[in-house]
Amino acid sequence: MCIRDRYLFLLGSSVGKKILMAVTGLGMIGFLAGHLLGNMMAFAGADAFNHYAEKLHSMQPYLTVFNIGLATLGLVHIAIGTLLFFENLRARPKSYKVTQNPGGRTIGSNTMPYTGVLILVFVISHLLKFTFTDKSVTPIYQQMAATFSNPLWVIFYVAAMVVVAVHLSHGFWSLFQTFGLNHPRYMPLIMKLGLTVAIVFGVGFGVLPIFILIVA
């Protein structure tokens, strides 16, 4: 199979689309892990976090290339997820279903497309509030402190992290199923691992605005 035919397979078949969803999803989980580790610097105080942010932004043009790659992963994930959503609507107009869960339907599996939309809204808000801002006048930690001094922003952020956790609770274990690693003997363990990962990300990101609200 030539390269062009492989691309056509990925874009044209349901299996190919699910593989793209799994690969891009795995890439974004890796980004979340790194982002969470970076966020932990905020617990060391304003100076430590601002120094970390300055060090990170000094890594141009590598950071630009990384951001372009991450944006590409996100756009592909969104586009393929949208295609799968409408394909499944046509095939099963009464319900949405991406994969068959051997342990039964869950909140995560039932709400994947909807939590995905909510996460997109949060990501856009997050970028506008913290990424596409001038940090030369007001450092990022001080910007976060000003934002999270408003309890409504804290509630919004924490609620968004709950949505992320719900999305990951299904998305993580479905990666293994997409790659064919869904042996009945191991899937219960993988599903528990997925739930653990979802809780770690949800709590890890969710406690930051609460911490800043309290100490800043």
C-alpha atoms as a PDB file:
ATOM      1  CA  MET A   1       0.000   0.000   0.000  1.00  0.00           C
ATOM      2  CA  CYS A   2       1.520   3.343  -1.079  1.00  0.00           C
ATOM      3  CA  ILE A   3       1.578   6.403   1.190  1.00  0.00           C
ATOM      4  CA  ARG A   4      -1.357   8.018  -0.605  1.00  0.00           C
ATOM      5  CA  ASP A   5      -3.457   4.884  -0.214  1.00  0.00           C
ATOM      6  CA  ARG A   6      -2.612   4.766   3.482  1.00  0.00           C
ATOM      7  CA  TYR A   7      -3.830   8.328   3.929  1.00  0.00           C
ATOM      8  CA  LEU A   8      -7.013   7.542   2.030  1.00  0.00           C
ATOM      9  CA  PHE A   9      -7.523   4.504   4.282  1.00  0.00           C
ATOM     10  CA  LEU A  10      -7.107   6.600   7.419  1.00  0.00           C
ATOM     11  CA  LEU A  11      -9.512   9.264   6.187  1.00  0.00           C
ATOM     12  CA  GLY A  12     -12.015   6.987   4.519  1.00  0.00           C
ATOM     13  CA  SER A  13     -12.529   4.049   6.863  1.00  0.00           C
ATOM     14  CA  SER A  14     -14.044   3.951  10.329  1.00  0.00           C
ATOM     15  CA  VAL A  15     -11.080   1.921  11.602  1.00  0.00           C
ATOM     16  CA  GLY A  16      -8.641   4.447  10.173  1.00  0.00           C
ATOM     17  CA  LYS A  17     -10.471   7.363  11.770  1.00  0.00           C
ATOM     18  CA  LYS A  18     -10.466   5.625  15.152  1.00  0.00           C
ATOM     19  CA  ILE A  19      -6.729   5.014  14.831  1.00  0.00           C
ATOM     20  CA  LEU A  20      -6.202   8.724  14.134  1.00  0.00           C
ATOM     21  CA  MET A  21      -8.383   9.556  17.134  1.00  0.00           C
ATOM     22  CA  ALA A  22      -6.326   7.231  19.316  1.00  0.00           C
ATOM     23  CA  VAL A  23      -2.948   8.528  18.115  1.00  0.00           C
ATOM     24  CA  THR A  24      -3.883  12.199  18.441  1.00  0.00           C
ATOM     25  CA  GLY A  25      -5.551  11.534  21.787  1.00  0.00           C
ATOM     26  CA  LEU A  26      -2.417   9.821  23.079  1.00  0.00           C
ATOM     27  CA  GLY A  27      -0.332  12.783  21.957  1.00  0.00           C
ATOM     28  CA  MET A  28      -2.563  15.203  23.828  1.00  0.00           C
ATOM     29  CA  ILE A  29      -2.479  13.048  26.959  1.00  0.00           C
ATOM     30  CA  GLY A  30       1.308  13.303  26.799  1.00  0.00           C
ATOM     31  CA  PHE A  31       1.010  17.084  26.527  1.00  0.00           C
ATOM     32  CA  LEU A  32      -1.364  17.191  29.507  1.00  0.00           C
ATOM     33  CA  ALA A  33       1.139  15.231  31.580  1.00  0.00           C
ATOM     34  CA  GLY A  34       3.919  17.700  30.782  1.00  0.00           C
ATOM     35  CA  HIS A  35       1.618  20.672  31.307  1.00  0.00           C
ATOM     36  CA  LEU A  36       0.526  19.337  34.686  1.00  0.00           C
ATOM     37  CA  LEU A  37       4.131  18.943  35.802  1.00  0.00           C
ATOM     38  CA  GLY A  38       4.814  22.531  34.751  1.00  0.00           C
ATOM     39  CA  ASN A  39       1.763  23.775  36.631  1.00  0.00           C
ATOM     40  CA  MET A  40       3.118  22.208  39.799  1.00  0.00           C
ATOM     41  CA  MET A  41       5.738  24.967  39.837  1.00  0.00           C
ATOM     42  CA  ALA A  42       2.969  27.380  40.829  1.00  0.00           C
ATOM     43  CA  PHE A  43       2.833  25.712  44.245  1.00  0.00           C
ATOM     44  CA  ALA A  44       6.431  26.835  44.783  1.00  0.00           C
ATOM     45  CA  GLY A  45       5.385  30.472  44.505  1.00  0.00           C
ATOM     46  CA  ALA A  46       5.225  33.329  42.028  1.00  0.00           C
ATOM     47  CA  ASP A  47       8.969  33.657  41.432  1.00  0.00           C
ATOM     48  CA  ALA A  48       9.447  29.961  40.744  1.00  0.00           C
ATOM     49  CA  PHE A  49       6.508  29.783  38.330  1.00  0.00           C
ATOM     50  CA  ASN A  50       7.419  32.985  36.494  1.00  0.00           C
ATOM     51  CA  HIS A  51      10.998  31.780  36.126  1.00  0.00           C
ATOM     52  CA  TYR A  52       9.719  28.472  34.726  1.00  0.00           C
ATOM     53  CA  ALA A  53       7.475  30.326  32.262  1.00  0.00           C
ATOM     54  CA  GLU A  54      10.318  32.604  31.153  1.00  0.00           C
ATOM     55  CA  LYS A  55      12.609  29.613  30.656  1.00  0.00           C
ATOM     56  CA  LEU A  56       9.937  27.872  28.612  1.00  0.00           C
ATOM     57  CA  HIS A  57       9.312  30.875  26.365  1.00  0.00           C
ATOM     58  CA  SER A  58      13.045  31.337  25.823  1.00  0.00           C
ATOM     59  CA  MET A  59      13.101  28.034  23.938  1.00  0.00           C
ATOM     60  CA  GLN A  60      12.022  29.620  20.665  1.00  0.00           C
ATOM     61  CA  PRO A  61      11.753  28.566  17.848  1.00  0.00           C
ATOM     62  CA  TYR A  62      11.377  25.048  19.292  1.00  0.00           C
ATOM     63  CA  LEU A  63       8.332  26.138  21.263  1.00  0.00           C
ATOM     64  CA  THR A  64       6.689  27.450  18.091  1.00  0.00           C
ATOM     65  CA  VAL A  65       7.236  24.145  16.310  1.00  0.00           C
ATOM     66  CA  PHE A  66       5.860  22.281  19.320  1.00  0.00           C
ATOM     67  CA  ASN A  67       2.784  24.503  19.468  1.00  0.00           C
ATOM     68  CA  ILE A  68       2.111  24.037  15.760  1.00  0.00           C
ATOM     69  CA  GLY A  69       2.380  20.274  16.210  1.00  0.00           C
ATOM     70  CA  LEU A  70       0.071  20.353  19.230  1.00  0.00           C
ATOM     71  CA  ALA A  71      -2.466  22.502  17.391  1.00  0.00           C
ATOM     72  CA  THR A  72      -2.362  20.064  14.480  1.00  0.00           C
ATOM     73  CA  LEU A  73      -3.031  17.138  16.816  1.00  0.00           C
ATOM     74  CA  GLY A  74      -5.947  18.993  18.346  1.00  0.00           C
ATOM     75  CA  LEU A  75      -7.486  19.999  15.014  1.00  0.00           C
ATOM     76  CA  VAL A  76      -7.184  16.473  13.620  1.00  0.00           C
ATOM     77  CA  HIS A  77      -8.715  15.042  16.805  1.00  0.00           C
ATOM     78  CA  ILE A  78     -11.630  17.473  16.596  1.00  0.00           C
ATOM     79  CA  ALA A  79     -12.187  16.939  12.871  1.00  0.00           C
ATOM     80  CA  ILE A  80     -12.087  13.140  13.047  1.00  0.00           C
ATOM     81  CA  GLY A  81     -14.213  13.108  16.185  1.00  0.00           C
ATOM     82  CA  THR A  82     -16.822  15.251  14.420  1.00  0.00           C
ATOM     83  CA  LEU A  83     -16.839  12.932  11.403  1.00  0.00           C
ATOM     84  CA  LEU A  84     -17.261   9.868  13.625  1.00  0.00           C
ATOM     85  CA  PHE A  85     -20.052  11.575  15.541  1.00  0.00           C
ATOM     86  CA  PHE A  86     -22.115  12.252  12.426  1.00  0.00           C
ATOM     87  CA  GLU A  87     -21.309   8.844  10.943  1.00  0.00           C
ATOM     88  CA  ASN A  88     -22.609   7.197  14.102  1.00  0.00           C
ATOM     89  CA  LEU A  89     -25.685   9.416  14.086  1.00  0.00           C
ATOM     90  CA  ARG A  90     -26.500   8.214  10.596  1.00  0.00           C
ATOM     91  CA  ALA A  91     -25.869   4.588  11.516  1.00  0.00           C
ATOM     92  CA  ARG A  92     -27.626   4.759  14.912  1.00  0.00           C
ATOM     93  CA  PRO A  93     -29.892   7.819  14.911  1.00  0.00           C
ATOM     94  CA  LYS A  94     -31.186   7.049  18.404  1.00  0.00           C
ATOM     95  CA  SER A  95     -27.848   7.064  20.200  1.00  0.00           C
ATOM     96  CA  TYR A  96     -24.153   7.930  19.843  1.00  0.00           C
ATOM     97  CA  LYS A  97     -21.681   5.108  20.191  1.00  0.00           C
ATOM     98  CA  VAL A  98     -17.959   5.126  19.343  1.00  0.00           C
ATOM     99  CA  THR A  99     -16.861   1.827  20.816  1.00  0.00           C
ATOM    100  CA  GLN A 100     -18.506  -1.111  22.489  1.00  0.00           C
ATOM    101  CA  ASN A 101     -17.640  -1.125  26.168  1.00  0.00           C
ATOM    102  CA  PRO A 102     -17.365  -4.722  27.406  1.00  0.00           C
ATOM    103  CA  GLY A 103     -18.149  -3.517  30.922  1.00  0.00           C
ATOM    104  CA  GLY A 104     -21.258  -1.549  29.960  1.00  0.00           C
ATOM    105  CA  ARG A 105     -21.897   2.058  29.040  1.00  0.00           C
ATOM    106  CA  THR A 106     -20.417   4.773  31.259  1.00  0.00           C
ATOM    107  CA  ILE A 107     -20.890   8.507  31.688  1.00  0.00           C
ATOM    108  CA  GLY A 108     -17.624   9.044  29.816  1.00  0.00           C
ATOM    109  CA  SER A 109     -18.585   6.898  26.829  1.00  0.00           C
ATOM    110  CA  ASN A 110     -22.113   8.334  26.642  1.00  0.00           C
ATOM    111  CA  THR A 111     -20.940  11.952  26.652  1.00  0.00           C
ATOM    112  CA  MET A 112     -17.705  11.874  24.618  1.00  0.00           C
ATOM    113  CA  PRO A 113     -18.805  14.252  21.819  1.00  0.00           C
ATOM    114  CA  TYR A 114     -20.422  16.669  24.253  1.00  0.00           C
ATOM    115  CA  THR A 115     -17.533  16.804  26.709  1.00  0.00           C
ATOM    116  CA  GLY A 116     -15.283  17.276  23.692  1.00  0.00           C
ATOM    117  CA  VAL A 117     -17.206  20.430  22.699  1.00  0.00           C
ATOM    118  CA  LEU A 118     -17.054  21.755  26.273  1.00  0.00           C
ATOM    119  CA  ILE A 119     -13.300  21.108  26.405  1.00  0.00           C
ATOM    120  CA  LEU A 120     -12.863  23.039  23.148  1.00  0.00           C
ATOM    121  CA  VAL A 121     -14.721  26.005  24.662  1.00  0.00           C
ATOM    122  CA  PHE A 122     -12.478  25.831  27.720  1.00  0.00           C
ATOM    123  CA  VAL A 123      -9.286  25.585  25.645  1.00  0.00           C
ATOM    124  CA  ILE A 124     -10.224  28.685  23.648  1.00  0.00           C
ATOM    125  CA  SER A 125     -10.988  30.571  26.874  1.00  0.00           C
ATOM    126  CA  HIS A 126      -7.730  29.372  28.418  1.00  0.00           C
ATOM    127  CA  LEU A 127      -5.677  30.473  25.402  1.00  0.00           C
ATOM    128  CA  LEU A 128      -7.285  33.915  25.313  1.00  0.00           C
ATOM    129  CA  LYS A 129      -6.866  34.389  29.049  1.00  0.00           C
ATOM    130  CA  PHE A 130      -3.357  33.059  29.661  1.00  0.00           C
ATOM    131  CA  THR A 131      -1.518  32.316  26.393  1.00  0.00           C
ATOM    132  CA  PHE A 132      -2.258  35.152  23.972  1.00  0.00           C
ATOM    133  CA  THR A 133      -1.483  37.856  26.503  1.00  0.00           C
ATOM    134  CA  ASP A 134       1.368  40.302  27.056  1.00  0.00           C
ATOM    135  CA  LYS A 135       3.511  38.872  29.828  1.00  0.00           C
ATOM    136  CA  SER A 136       6.210  41.549  29.625  1.00  0.00           C
ATOM    137  CA  VAL A 137       4.202  43.912  31.829  1.00  0.00           C
ATOM    138  CA  THR A 138       2.303  41.482  34.038  1.00  0.00           C
ATOM    139  CA  PRO A 139       3.976  38.074  34.625  1.00  0.00           C
ATOM    140  CA  ILE A 140       1.873  34.966  34.137  1.00  0.00           C
ATOM    141  CA  TYR A 141       1.569  34.103  37.831  1.00  0.00           C
ATOM    142  CA  GLN A 142       0.203  37.568  38.588  1.00  0.00           C
ATOM    143  CA  GLN A 143      -2.225  37.199  35.669  1.00  0.00           C
ATOM    144  CA  MET A 144      -3.439  33.901  37.111  1.00  0.00           C
ATOM    145  CA  ALA A 145      -3.741  35.455  40.567  1.00  0.00           C
ATOM    146  CA  ALA A 146      -5.853  38.298  39.166  1.00  0.00           C
ATOM    147  CA  THR A 147      -8.077  35.879  37.234  1.00  0.00           C
ATOM    148  CA  PHE A 148      -8.590  33.400  40.055  1.00  0.00           C
ATOM    149  CA  SER A 149      -9.298  36.124  42.585  1.00  0.00           C
ATOM    150  CA  ASN A 150     -12.751  35.936  41.011  1.00  0.00           C
ATOM    151  CA  PRO A 151     -14.522  32.833  42.405  1.00  0.00           C
ATOM    152  CA  LEU A 152     -16.578  32.544  39.205  1.00  0.00           C
ATOM    153  CA  TRP A 153     -13.404  31.890  37.222  1.00  0.00           C
ATOM    154  CA  VAL A 154     -12.343  29.293  39.784  1.00  0.00           C
ATOM    155  CA  ILE A 155     -15.698  27.527  39.488  1.00  0.00           C
ATOM    156  CA  PHE A 156     -15.486  27.641  35.683  1.00  0.00           C
ATOM    157  CA  TYR A 157     -11.953  26.228  35.690  1.00  0.00           C
ATOM    158  CA  VAL A 158     -12.708  23.458  38.197  1.00  0.00           C
ATOM    159  CA  ALA A 159     -15.895  22.502  36.330  1.00  0.00           C
ATOM    160  CA  ALA A 160     -13.888  22.318  33.114  1.00  0.00           C
ATOM    161  CA  MET A 161     -11.411  19.968  34.790  1.00  0.00           C
ATOM    162  CA  VAL A 162     -14.284  17.703  35.831  1.00  0.00           C
ATOM    163  CA  VAL A 163     -15.340  17.594  32.172  1.00  0.00           C
ATOM    164  CA  VAL A 164     -11.755  16.787  31.133  1.00  0.00           C
ATOM    165  CA  ALA A 165     -11.643  13.948  33.675  1.00  0.00           C
ATOM    166  CA  VAL A 166     -14.931  12.508  32.411  1.00  0.00           C
ATOM    167  CA  HIS A 167     -13.664  12.676  28.816  1.00  0.00           C
ATOM    168  CA  LEU A 168     -10.384  10.991  29.734  1.00  0.00           C
ATOM    169  CA  SER A 169     -12.086   8.289  31.794  1.00  0.00           C
ATOM    170  CA  HIS A 170     -13.373   6.788  28.549  1.00  0.00           C
ATOM    171  CA  GLY A 171     -10.770   8.078  26.109  1.00  0.00           C
ATOM    172  CA  PHE A 172      -7.795   6.516  27.892  1.00  0.00           C
ATOM    173  CA  TRP A 173      -8.985   2.915  27.942  1.00  0.00           C
ATOM    174  CA  SER A 174     -10.517   3.204  24.463  1.00  0.00           C
ATOM    175  CA  LEU A 175      -6.986   3.877  23.155  1.00  0.00           C
ATOM    176  CA  PHE A 176      -6.038   0.345  24.128  1.00  0.00           C
ATOM    177  CA  GLN A 177      -9.162  -1.059  22.534  1.00  0.00           C
ATOM    178  CA  THR A 178      -8.467   0.811  19.282  1.00  0.00           C
ATOM    179  CA  PHE A 179      -4.943  -0.601  19.174  1.00  0.00           C
ATOM    180  CA  GLY A 180      -6.310  -4.106  19.711  1.00  0.00           C
ATOM    181  CA  LEU A 181      -5.112  -4.409  23.315  1.00  0.00           C
ATOM    182  CA  ASN A 182      -8.543  -5.325  24.642  1.00  0.00           C
ATOM    183  CA  HIS A 183      -8.080  -8.793  26.049  1.00  0.00           C
ATOM    184  CA  PRO A 184     -10.876  -9.528  28.586  1.00  0.00           C
ATOM    185  CA  ARG A 185      -8.252 -10.466  31.158  1.00  0.00           C
ATOM    186  CA  TYR A 186      -6.588  -7.046  31.074  1.00  0.00           C
ATOM    187  CA  MET A 187      -9.354  -4.605  30.147  1.00  0.00           C
ATOM    188  CA  PRO A 188     -10.774  -4.252  33.690  1.00  0.00           C
ATOM    189  CA  LEU A 189      -7.295  -3.242  34.883  1.00  0.00           C
ATOM    190  CA  ILE A 190      -6.866  -0.840  31.954  1.00  0.00           C
ATOM    191  CA  MET A 191     -10.255   0.718  32.672  1.00  0.00           C
ATOM    192  CA  LYS A 192      -9.257   1.244  36.305  1.00  0.00           C
ATOM    193  CA  LEU A 193      -5.973   2.747  35.157  1.00  0.00           C
ATOM    194  CA  GLY A 194      -7.904   5.063  32.857  1.00  0.00           C
ATOM    195  CA  LEU A 195     -10.091   6.184  35.747  1.00  0.00           C
ATOM    196  CA  THR A 196      -6.978   6.798  37.859  1.00  0.00           C
ATOM    197  CA  VAL A 197      -5.379   8.876  35.090  1.00  0.00           C
ATOM    198  CA  ALA A 198      -8.588  10.879  34.710  1.00  0.00           C
ATOM    199  CA  ILE A 199      -8.720  11.608  38.450  1.00  0.00           C
ATOM    200  CA  VAL A 200      -5.035  12.588  38.577  1.00  0.00           C
ATOM    201  CA  PHE A 201      -5.449  15.066  35.721  1.00  0.00           C
ATOM    202  CA  GLY A 202      -8.773  16.391  37.002  1.00  0.00           C
ATOM    203  CA  VAL A 203      -7.576  16.919  40.557  1.00  0.00           C
ATOM    204  CA  GLY A 204      -4.074  18.011  39.545  1.00  0.00           C
ATOM    205  CA  PHE A 205      -5.311  20.808  37.297  1.00  0.00           C
ATOM    206  CA  GLY A 206      -8.389  21.578  39.398  1.00  0.00           C
ATOM    207  CA  VAL A 207      -6.596  22.343  42.660  1.00  0.00           C
ATOM    208  CA  LEU A 208      -4.406  25.052  41.083  1.00  0.00           C
ATOM    209  CA  PRO A 209      -7.040  27.812  40.845  1.00  0.00           C
ATOM    210  CA  ILE A 210      -8.301  26.932  44.327  1.00  0.00           C
ATOM    211  CA  PHE A 211      -4.736  27.171  45.694  1.00  0.00           C
ATOM    212  CA  ILE A 212      -4.129  30.527  44.010  1.00  0.00           C
ATOM    213  CA  LEU A 213      -7.479  31.883  45.222  1.00  0.00           C
ATOM    214  CA  ILE A 214      -6.529  30.995  48.790  1.00  0.00           C
ATOM    215  CA  VAL A 215      -2.866  32.094  48.886  1.00  0.00           C
ATOM    216  CA  ALA A 216      -2.627  34.905  46.315  1.00  0.00           C
END
